[in-house]
Amino acid sequence: MPQWLHWVILGLLAGALAKYLMPGRDPSGCIVTILLGIVGAFIGGLIGTTVGWGSVTAERFEPRSLALATLGAIVILLVGRLLRRL
């Protein structure tokens, strides 16, 4: 399977989990959810590497990568909600 497809699947799973764990009025749609998860994977990878929890990899399924990507997507949702209130 191509590398980009791994990132799309990881992004979809992480974005959907983040939206499920933080219900509310957020942009919906498959493309937005995938992008949320992919950007969340990068943010989660930065957080995980800084704290020492590891990094995000989409080469094979790892629960740690999914958890870090979901954490990053939740951070993006939180920041988006805070910016909308301003």
PDB file of N, CA and C in Angstrom:
ATOM      1  N   MET A   1       0.849  -1.171   0.000  1.00  0.00           N
ATOM      2  CA  MET A   1       0.000   0.000   0.000  1.00  0.00           C
ATOM      3  C   MET A   1       0.903   1.246   0.000  1.00  0.00           C
ATOM      4  N   PRO A   2       0.565   2.263  -0.794  1.00  0.00           N
ATOM      5  CA  PRO A   2       1.389   3.475  -0.843  1.00  0.00           C
ATOM      6  C   PRO A   2       1.404   4.213   0.499  1.00  0.00           C
ATOM      7  N   GLN A   3       2.498   4.923   0.749  1.00  0.00           N
ATOM      8  CA  GLN A   3       2.693   5.641   2.015  1.00  0.00           C
ATOM      9  C   GLN A   3       1.598   6.680   2.246  1.00  0.00           C
ATOM     10  N   TRP A   4       1.197   7.395   1.189  1.00  0.00           N
ATOM     11  CA  TRP A   4       0.188   8.435   1.369  1.00  0.00           C
ATOM     12  C   TRP A   4      -1.142   7.859   1.822  1.00  0.00           C
ATOM     13  N   LEU A   5      -1.442   6.647   1.407  1.00  0.00           N
ATOM     14  CA  LEU A   5      -2.688   6.023   1.813  1.00  0.00           C
ATOM     15  C   LEU A   5      -2.673   5.668   3.298  1.00  0.00           C
ATOM     16  N   HIS A   6      -1.511   5.297   3.799  1.00  0.00           N
ATOM     17  CA  HIS A   6      -1.373   5.042   5.234  1.00  0.00           C
ATOM     18  C   HIS A   6      -1.683   6.309   6.030  1.00  0.00           C
ATOM     19  N   TRP A   7      -1.165   7.453   5.543  1.00  0.00           N
ATOM     20  CA  TRP A   7      -1.413   8.715   6.237  1.00  0.00           C
ATOM     21  C   TRP A   7      -2.893   9.104   6.177  1.00  0.00           C
ATOM     22  N   VAL A   8      -3.537   8.844   5.059  1.00  0.00           N
ATOM     23  CA  VAL A   8      -4.963   9.161   4.932  1.00  0.00           C
ATOM     24  C   VAL A   8      -5.785   8.312   5.901  1.00  0.00           C
ATOM     25  N   ILE A   9      -5.457   7.034   5.991  1.00  0.00           N
ATOM     26  CA  ILE A   9      -6.189   6.149   6.911  1.00  0.00           C
ATOM     27  C   ILE A   9      -5.938   6.552   8.356  1.00  0.00           C
ATOM     28  N   LEU A  10      -4.674   6.835   8.698  1.00  0.00           N
ATOM     29  CA  LEU A  10      -4.357   7.290  10.058  1.00  0.00           C
ATOM     30  C   LEU A  10      -5.069   8.603  10.352  1.00  0.00           C
ATOM     31  N   GLY A  11      -5.083   9.515   9.378  1.00  0.00           N
ATOM     32  CA  GLY A  11      -5.761  10.800   9.558  1.00  0.00           C
ATOM     33  C   GLY A  11      -7.253  10.639   9.767  1.00  0.00           C
ATOM     34  N   LEU A  12      -7.866   9.754   9.004  1.00  0.00           N
ATOM     35  CA  LEU A  12      -9.303   9.518   9.146  1.00  0.00           C
ATOM     36  C   LEU A  12      -9.621   8.945  10.524  1.00  0.00           C
ATOM     37  N   LEU A  13      -8.849   7.960  10.949  1.00  0.00           N
ATOM     38  CA  LEU A  13      -9.093   7.349  12.266  1.00  0.00           C
ATOM     39  C   LEU A  13      -8.864   8.351  13.393  1.00  0.00           C
ATOM     40  N   ALA A  14      -7.743   9.067  13.343  1.00  0.00           N
ATOM     41  CA  ALA A  14      -7.429  10.025  14.410  1.00  0.00           C
ATOM     42  C   ALA A  14      -8.415  11.180  14.439  1.00  0.00           C
ATOM     43  N   GLY A  15      -8.771  11.702  13.276  1.00  0.00           N
ATOM     44  CA  GLY A  15      -9.740  12.799  13.222  1.00  0.00           C
ATOM     45  C   GLY A  15     -11.108  12.377  13.720  1.00  0.00           C
ATOM     46  N   ALA A  16     -11.546  11.189  13.340  1.00  0.00           N
ATOM     47  CA  ALA A  16     -12.850  10.692  13.798  1.00  0.00           C
ATOM     48  C   ALA A  16     -12.838  10.451  15.307  1.00  0.00           C
ATOM     49  N   LEU A  17     -11.756   9.887  15.826  1.00  0.00           N
ATOM     50  CA  LEU A  17     -11.662   9.675  17.276  1.00  0.00           C
ATOM     51  C   LEU A  17     -11.664  10.997  18.032  1.00  0.00           C
ATOM     52  N   ALA A  18     -10.938  11.983  17.528  1.00  0.00           N
ATOM     53  CA  ALA A  18     -10.894  13.288  18.188  1.00  0.00           C
ATOM     54  C   ALA A  18     -12.274  13.933  18.208  1.00  0.00           C
ATOM     55  N   LYS A  19     -12.984  13.863  17.083  1.00  0.00           N
ATOM     56  CA  LYS A  19     -14.336  14.434  17.038  1.00  0.00           C
ATOM     57  C   LYS A  19     -15.300  13.672  17.943  1.00  0.00           C
ATOM     58  N   TYR A  20     -15.086  12.371  18.076  1.00  0.00           N
ATOM     59  CA  TYR A  20     -15.930  11.568  18.958  1.00  0.00           C
ATOM     60  C   TYR A  20     -15.654  11.906  20.425  1.00  0.00           C
ATOM     61  N   LEU A  21     -14.389  12.077  20.772  1.00  0.00           N
ATOM     62  CA  LEU A  21     -14.026  12.367  22.159  1.00  0.00           C
ATOM     63  C   LEU A  21     -14.344  13.798  22.556  1.00  0.00           C
ATOM     64  N   MET A  22     -14.424  14.709  21.576  1.00  0.00           N
ATOM     65  CA  MET A  22     -14.758  16.107  21.846  1.00  0.00           C
ATOM     66  C   MET A  22     -15.976  16.505  21.024  1.00  0.00           C
ATOM     67  N   PRO A  23     -17.157  16.051  21.423  1.00  0.00           N
ATOM     68  CA  PRO A  23     -18.344  16.396  20.634  1.00  0.00           C
ATOM     69  C   PRO A  23     -18.619  17.896  20.694  1.00  0.00           C
ATOM     70  N   GLY A  24     -19.203  18.394  19.660  1.00  0.00           N
ATOM     71  CA  GLY A  24     -19.532  19.814  19.596  1.00  0.00           C
ATOM     72  C   GLY A  24     -19.708  20.222  18.157  1.00  0.00           C
ATOM     73  N   ARG A  25     -19.803  21.510  17.942  1.00  0.00           N
ATOM     74  CA  ARG A  25     -20.015  22.044  16.600  1.00  0.00           C
ATOM     75  C   ARG A  25     -18.670  22.312  15.948  1.00  0.00           C
ATOM     76  N   ASP A  26     -18.165  21.340  15.274  1.00  0.00           N
ATOM     77  CA  ASP A  26     -16.907  21.464  14.546  1.00  0.00           C
ATOM     78  C   ASP A  26     -17.169  21.172  13.076  1.00  0.00           C
ATOM     79  N   PRO A  27     -16.279  21.652  12.199  1.00  0.00           N
ATOM     80  CA  PRO A  27     -16.470  21.351  10.780  1.00  0.00           C
ATOM     81  C   PRO A  27     -16.536  19.845  10.557  1.00  0.00           C
ATOM     82  N   SER A  28     -17.509  19.434   9.804  1.00  0.00           N
ATOM     83  CA  SER A  28     -17.625  18.002   9.559  1.00  0.00           C
ATOM     84  C   SER A  28     -17.304  17.709   8.111  1.00  0.00           C
ATOM     85  N   GLY A  29     -17.364  16.467   7.787  1.00  0.00           N
ATOM     86  CA  GLY A  29     -17.051  16.036   6.438  1.00  0.00           C
ATOM     87  C   GLY A  29     -15.814  15.162   6.457  1.00  0.00           C
ATOM     88  N   CYS A  30     -15.765  14.291   5.522  1.00  0.00           N
ATOM     89  CA  CYS A  30     -14.693  13.304   5.462  1.00  0.00           C
ATOM     90  C   CYS A  30     -13.330  13.957   5.197  1.00  0.00           C
ATOM     91  N   ILE A  31     -13.279  14.885   4.256  1.00  0.00           N
ATOM     92  CA  ILE A  31     -12.014  15.520   3.897  1.00  0.00           C
ATOM     93  C   ILE A  31     -11.470  16.329   5.070  1.00  0.00           C
ATOM     94  N   VAL A  32     -12.334  17.101   5.737  1.00  0.00           N
ATOM     95  CA  VAL A  32     -11.907  17.899   6.886  1.00  0.00           C
ATOM     96  C   VAL A  32     -11.441  16.994   8.018  1.00  0.00           C
ATOM     97  N   THR A  33     -12.117  15.888   8.233  1.00  0.00           N
ATOM     98  CA  THR A  33     -11.731  14.948   9.279  1.00  0.00           C
ATOM     99  C   THR A  33     -10.365  14.330   8.975  1.00  0.00           C
ATOM    100  N   ILE A  34     -10.123  13.974   7.731  1.00  0.00           N
ATOM    101  CA  ILE A  34      -8.828  13.410   7.340  1.00  0.00           C
ATOM    102  C   ILE A  34      -7.721  14.442   7.533  1.00  0.00           C
ATOM    103  N   LEU A  35      -7.963  15.676   7.083  1.00  0.00           N
ATOM    104  CA  LEU A  35      -6.953  16.728   7.251  1.00  0.00           C
ATOM    105  C   LEU A  35      -6.702  17.026   8.720  1.00  0.00           C
ATOM    106  N   LEU A  36      -7.755  17.036   9.520  1.00  0.00           N
ATOM    107  CA  LEU A  36      -7.611  17.236  10.960  1.00  0.00           C
ATOM    108  C   LEU A  36      -6.714  16.154  11.555  1.00  0.00           C
ATOM    109  N   GLY A  37      -6.940  14.919  11.169  1.00  0.00           N
ATOM    110  CA  GLY A  37      -6.144  13.816  11.688  1.00  0.00           C
ATOM    111  C   GLY A  37      -4.704  13.846  11.219  1.00  0.00           C
ATOM    112  N   ILE A  38      -4.465  14.210   9.958  1.00  0.00           N
ATOM    113  CA  ILE A  38      -3.094  14.263   9.442  1.00  0.00           C
ATOM    114  C   ILE A  38      -2.306  15.386  10.115  1.00  0.00           C
ATOM    115  N   VAL A  39      -2.905  16.572  10.207  1.00  0.00           N
ATOM    116  CA  VAL A  39      -2.229  17.670  10.901  1.00  0.00           C
ATOM    117  C   VAL A  39      -2.081  17.329  12.381  1.00  0.00           C
ATOM    118  N   GLY A  40      -3.089  16.672  12.945  1.00  0.00           N
ATOM    119  CA  GLY A  40      -3.000  16.221  14.334  1.00  0.00           C
ATOM    120  C   GLY A  40      -1.875  15.225  14.544  1.00  0.00           C
ATOM    121  N   ALA A  41      -1.592  14.406  13.536  1.00  0.00           N
ATOM    122  CA  ALA A  41      -0.485  13.454  13.637  1.00  0.00           C
ATOM    123  C   ALA A  41       0.847  14.192  13.731  1.00  0.00           C
ATOM    124  N   PHE A  42       0.990  15.260  12.948  1.00  0.00           N
ATOM    125  CA  PHE A  42       2.222  16.039  13.032  1.00  0.00           C
ATOM    126  C   PHE A  42       2.357  16.734  14.387  1.00  0.00           C
ATOM    127  N   ILE A  43       1.261  17.327  14.867  1.00  0.00           N
ATOM    128  CA  ILE A  43       1.280  17.988  16.181  1.00  0.00           C
ATOM    129  C   ILE A  43       1.530  16.958  17.278  1.00  0.00           C
ATOM    130  N   GLY A  44       0.828  15.838  17.218  1.00  0.00           N
ATOM    131  CA  GLY A  44       1.015  14.776  18.204  1.00  0.00           C
ATOM    132  C   GLY A  44       2.415  14.205  18.172  1.00  0.00           C
ATOM    133  N   GLY A  45       2.999  14.102  16.980  1.00  0.00           N
ATOM    134  CA  GLY A  45       4.378  13.641  16.861  1.00  0.00           C
ATOM    135  C   GLY A  45       5.350  14.599  17.513  1.00  0.00           C
ATOM    136  N   LEU A  46       5.107  15.899  17.346  1.00  0.00           N
ATOM    137  CA  LEU A  46       5.951  16.893  18.011  1.00  0.00           C
ATOM    138  C   LEU A  46       5.822  16.798  19.527  1.00  0.00           C
ATOM    139  N   ILE A  47       4.594  16.676  20.008  1.00  0.00           N
ATOM    140  CA  ILE A  47       4.360  16.556  21.452  1.00  0.00           C
ATOM    141  C   ILE A  47       5.006  15.277  21.974  1.00  0.00           C
ATOM    142  N   GLY A  48       4.774  14.163  21.301  1.00  0.00           N
ATOM    143  CA  GLY A  48       5.315  12.881  21.739  1.00  0.00           C
ATOM    144  C   GLY A  48       6.833  12.851  21.754  1.00  0.00           C
ATOM    145  N   THR A  49       7.453  13.446  20.740  1.00  0.00           N
ATOM    146  CA  THR A  49       8.908  13.482  20.680  1.00  0.00           C
ATOM    147  C   THR A  49       9.470  14.379  21.771  1.00  0.00           C
ATOM    148  N   THR A  50       8.820  15.515  22.019  1.00  0.00           N
ATOM    149  CA  THR A  50       9.285  16.441  23.044  1.00  0.00           C
ATOM    150  C   THR A  50       9.189  15.829  24.436  1.00  0.00           C
ATOM    151  N   VAL A  51       8.091  15.161  24.720  1.00  0.00           N
ATOM    152  CA  VAL A  51       7.861  14.590  26.047  1.00  0.00           C
ATOM    153  C   VAL A  51       8.579  13.248  26.216  1.00  0.00           C
ATOM    154  N   GLY A  52       8.910  12.603  25.117  1.00  0.00           N
ATOM    155  CA  GLY A  52       9.600  11.319  25.187  1.00  0.00           C
ATOM    156  C   GLY A  52       8.670  10.121  25.065  1.00  0.00           C
ATOM    157  N   TRP A  53       7.483  10.326  24.503  1.00  0.00           N
ATOM    158  CA  TRP A  53       6.522   9.237  24.334  1.00  0.00           C
ATOM    159  C   TRP A  53       6.709   8.502  23.018  1.00  0.00           C
ATOM    160  N   GLY A  54       7.551   9.001  22.151  1.00  0.00           N
ATOM    161  CA  GLY A  54       7.751   8.385  20.847  1.00  0.00           C
ATOM    162  C   GLY A  54       7.265   9.297  19.745  1.00  0.00           C
ATOM    163  N   SER A  55       7.204   8.775  18.541  1.00  0.00           N
ATOM    164  CA  SER A  55       6.780   9.570  17.395  1.00  0.00           C
ATOM    165  C   SER A  55       5.653   8.853  16.659  1.00  0.00           C
ATOM    166  N   VAL A  56       5.074   9.549  15.699  1.00  0.00           N
ATOM    167  CA  VAL A  56       3.982   8.995  14.907  1.00  0.00           C
ATOM    168  C   VAL A  56       4.557   8.398  13.634  1.00  0.00           C
ATOM    169  N   THR A  57       4.160   7.194  13.337  1.00  0.00           N
ATOM    170  CA  THR A  57       4.562   6.541  12.096  1.00  0.00           C
ATOM    171  C   THR A  57       3.336   5.921  11.450  1.00  0.00           C
ATOM    172  N   ALA A  58       3.253   6.037  10.139  1.00  0.00           N
ATOM    173  CA  ALA A  58       2.109   5.466   9.427  1.00  0.00           C
ATOM    174  C   ALA A  58       2.528   4.261   8.593  1.00  0.00           C
ATOM    175  N   GLU A  59       3.737   3.767   8.819  1.00  0.00           N
ATOM    176  CA  GLU A  59       4.224   2.637   8.032  1.00  0.00           C
ATOM    177  C   GLU A  59       3.489   1.347   8.377  1.00  0.00           C
ATOM    178  N   ARG A  60       3.136   1.188   9.624  1.00  0.00           N
ATOM    179  CA  ARG A  60       2.350   0.040  10.079  1.00  0.00           C
ATOM    180  C   ARG A  60       1.483   0.518  11.229  1.00  0.00           C
ATOM    181  N   PHE A  61       0.464  -0.226  11.554  1.00  0.00           N
ATOM    182  CA  PHE A  61      -0.455   0.215  12.606  1.00  0.00           C
ATOM    183  C   PHE A  61       0.206   0.077  13.973  1.00  0.00           C
ATOM    184  N   GLU A  62       0.264   1.172  14.685  1.00  0.00           N
ATOM    185  CA  GLU A  62       0.740   1.187  16.064  1.00  0.00           C
ATOM    186  C   GLU A  62      -0.261   1.979  16.892  1.00  0.00           C
ATOM    187  N   PRO A  63      -0.733   1.406  17.991  1.00  0.00           N
ATOM    188  CA  PRO A  63      -1.677   2.142  18.839  1.00  0.00           C
ATOM    189  C   PRO A  63      -1.103   3.459  19.353  1.00  0.00           C
ATOM    190  N   ARG A  64       0.196   3.494  19.603  1.00  0.00           N
ATOM    191  CA  ARG A  64       0.821   4.733  20.092  1.00  0.00           C
ATOM    192  C   ARG A  64       0.712   5.835  19.044  1.00  0.00           C
ATOM    193  N   SER A  65       0.921   5.506  17.779  1.00  0.00           N
ATOM    194  CA  SER A  65       0.803   6.505  16.716  1.00  0.00           C
ATOM    195  C   SER A  65      -0.623   7.029  16.611  1.00  0.00           C
ATOM    196  N   LEU A  66      -1.586   6.139  16.707  1.00  0.00           N
ATOM    197  CA  LEU A  66      -2.985   6.555  16.659  1.00  0.00           C
ATOM    198  C   LEU A  66      -3.329   7.436  17.850  1.00  0.00           C
ATOM    199  N   ALA A  67      -2.835   7.076  19.031  1.00  0.00           N
ATOM    200  CA  ALA A  67      -3.102   7.870  20.236  1.00  0.00           C
ATOM    201  C   ALA A  67      -2.470   9.255  20.132  1.00  0.00           C
ATOM    202  N   LEU A  68      -1.229   9.340  19.657  1.00  0.00           N
ATOM    203  CA  LEU A  68      -0.574  10.643  19.516  1.00  0.00           C
ATOM    204  C   LEU A  68      -1.242  11.495  18.448  1.00  0.00           C
ATOM    205  N   ALA A  69      -1.643  10.885  17.348  1.00  0.00           N
ATOM    206  CA  ALA A  69      -2.339  11.627  16.298  1.00  0.00           C
ATOM    207  C   ALA A  69      -3.686  12.140  16.805  1.00  0.00           C
ATOM    208  N   THR A  70      -4.374  11.330  17.586  1.00  0.00           N
ATOM    209  CA  THR A  70      -5.657  11.759  18.168  1.00  0.00           C
ATOM    210  C   THR A  70      -5.436  12.893  19.156  1.00  0.00           C
ATOM    211  N   LEU A  71      -4.394  12.802  19.975  1.00  0.00           N
ATOM    212  CA  LEU A  71      -4.063  13.880  20.919  1.00  0.00           C
ATOM    213  C   LEU A  71      -3.798  15.178  20.164  1.00  0.00           C
ATOM    214  N   GLY A  72      -3.034  15.101  19.087  1.00  0.00           N
ATOM    215  CA  GLY A  72      -2.766  16.293  18.283  1.00  0.00           C
ATOM    216  C   GLY A  72      -4.036  16.869  17.668  1.00  0.00           C
ATOM    217  N   ALA A  73      -4.925  16.014  17.203  1.00  0.00           N
ATOM    218  CA  ALA A  73      -6.186  16.484  16.620  1.00  0.00           C
ATOM    219  C   ALA A  73      -7.066  17.137  17.688  1.00  0.00           C
ATOM    220  N   ILE A  74      -7.045  16.606  18.905  1.00  0.00           N
ATOM    221  CA  ILE A  74      -7.808  17.213  20.000  1.00  0.00           C
ATOM    222  C   ILE A  74      -7.249  18.597  20.312  1.00  0.00           C
ATOM    223  N   VAL A  75      -5.929  18.739  20.305  1.00  0.00           N
ATOM    224  CA  VAL A  75      -5.306  20.048  20.535  1.00  0.00           C
ATOM    225  C   VAL A  75      -5.768  21.038  19.464  1.00  0.00           C
ATOM    226  N   ILE A  76      -5.811  20.598  18.221  1.00  0.00           N
ATOM    227  CA  ILE A  76      -6.262  21.478  17.136  1.00  0.00           C
ATOM    228  C   ILE A  76      -7.725  21.872  17.337  1.00  0.00           C
ATOM    229  N   LEU A  77      -8.564  20.923  17.734  1.00  0.00           N
ATOM    230  CA  LEU A  77      -9.972  21.245  17.995  1.00  0.00           C
ATOM    231  C   LEU A  77     -10.105  22.242  19.137  1.00  0.00           C
ATOM    232  N   LEU A  78      -9.328  22.057  20.199  1.00  0.00           N
ATOM    233  CA  LEU A  78      -9.373  22.990  21.337  1.00  0.00           C
ATOM    234  C   LEU A  78      -8.946  24.392  20.925  1.00  0.00           C
ATOM    235  N   VAL A  79      -7.852  24.494  20.195  1.00  0.00           N
ATOM    236  CA  VAL A  79      -7.372  25.803  19.743  1.00  0.00           C
ATOM    237  C   VAL A  79      -8.396  26.448  18.813  1.00  0.00           C
ATOM    238  N   GLY A  80      -8.983  25.666  17.926  1.00  0.00           N
ATOM    239  CA  GLY A  80     -10.006  26.201  17.025  1.00  0.00           C
ATOM    240  C   GLY A  80     -11.215  26.736  17.782  1.00  0.00           C
ATOM    241  N   ARG A  81     -11.639  26.023  18.806  1.00  0.00           N
ATOM    242  CA  ARG A  81     -12.782  26.485  19.599  1.00  0.00           C
ATOM    243  C   ARG A  81     -12.438  27.766  20.373  1.00  0.00           C
ATOM    244  N   LEU A  82     -11.215  27.823  20.895  1.00  0.00           N
ATOM    245  CA  LEU A  82     -10.805  29.025  21.620  1.00  0.00           C
ATOM    246  C   LEU A  82     -10.715  30.225  20.691  1.00  0.00           C
ATOM    247  N   LEU A  83     -10.205  30.042  19.491  1.00  0.00           N
ATOM    248  CA  LEU A  83     -10.092  31.152  18.536  1.00  0.00           C
ATOM    249  C   LEU A  83     -11.456  31.603  18.039  1.00  0.00           C
ATOM    250  N   ARG A  84     -12.414  30.693  17.934  1.00  0.00           N
ATOM    251  CA  ARG A  84     -13.763  31.082  17.500  1.00  0.00           C
ATOM    252  C   ARG A  84     -14.475  31.922  18.535  1.00  0.00           C
ATOM    253  N   ARG A  85     -14.116  31.748  19.800  1.00  0.00           N
ATOM    254  CA  ARG A  85     -14.754  32.533  20.871  1.00  0.00           C
ATOM    255  C   ARG A  85     -14.242  33.959  20.939  1.00  0.00           C
ATOM    256  N   LEU A  86     -13.082  34.226  20.352  1.00  0.00           N
ATOM    257  CA  LEU A  86     -12.510  35.588  20.411  1.00  0.00           C
ATOM    258  C   LEU A  86     -13.200  36.549  19.502  1.00  0.00           C
TER     259      LEU A  86
END
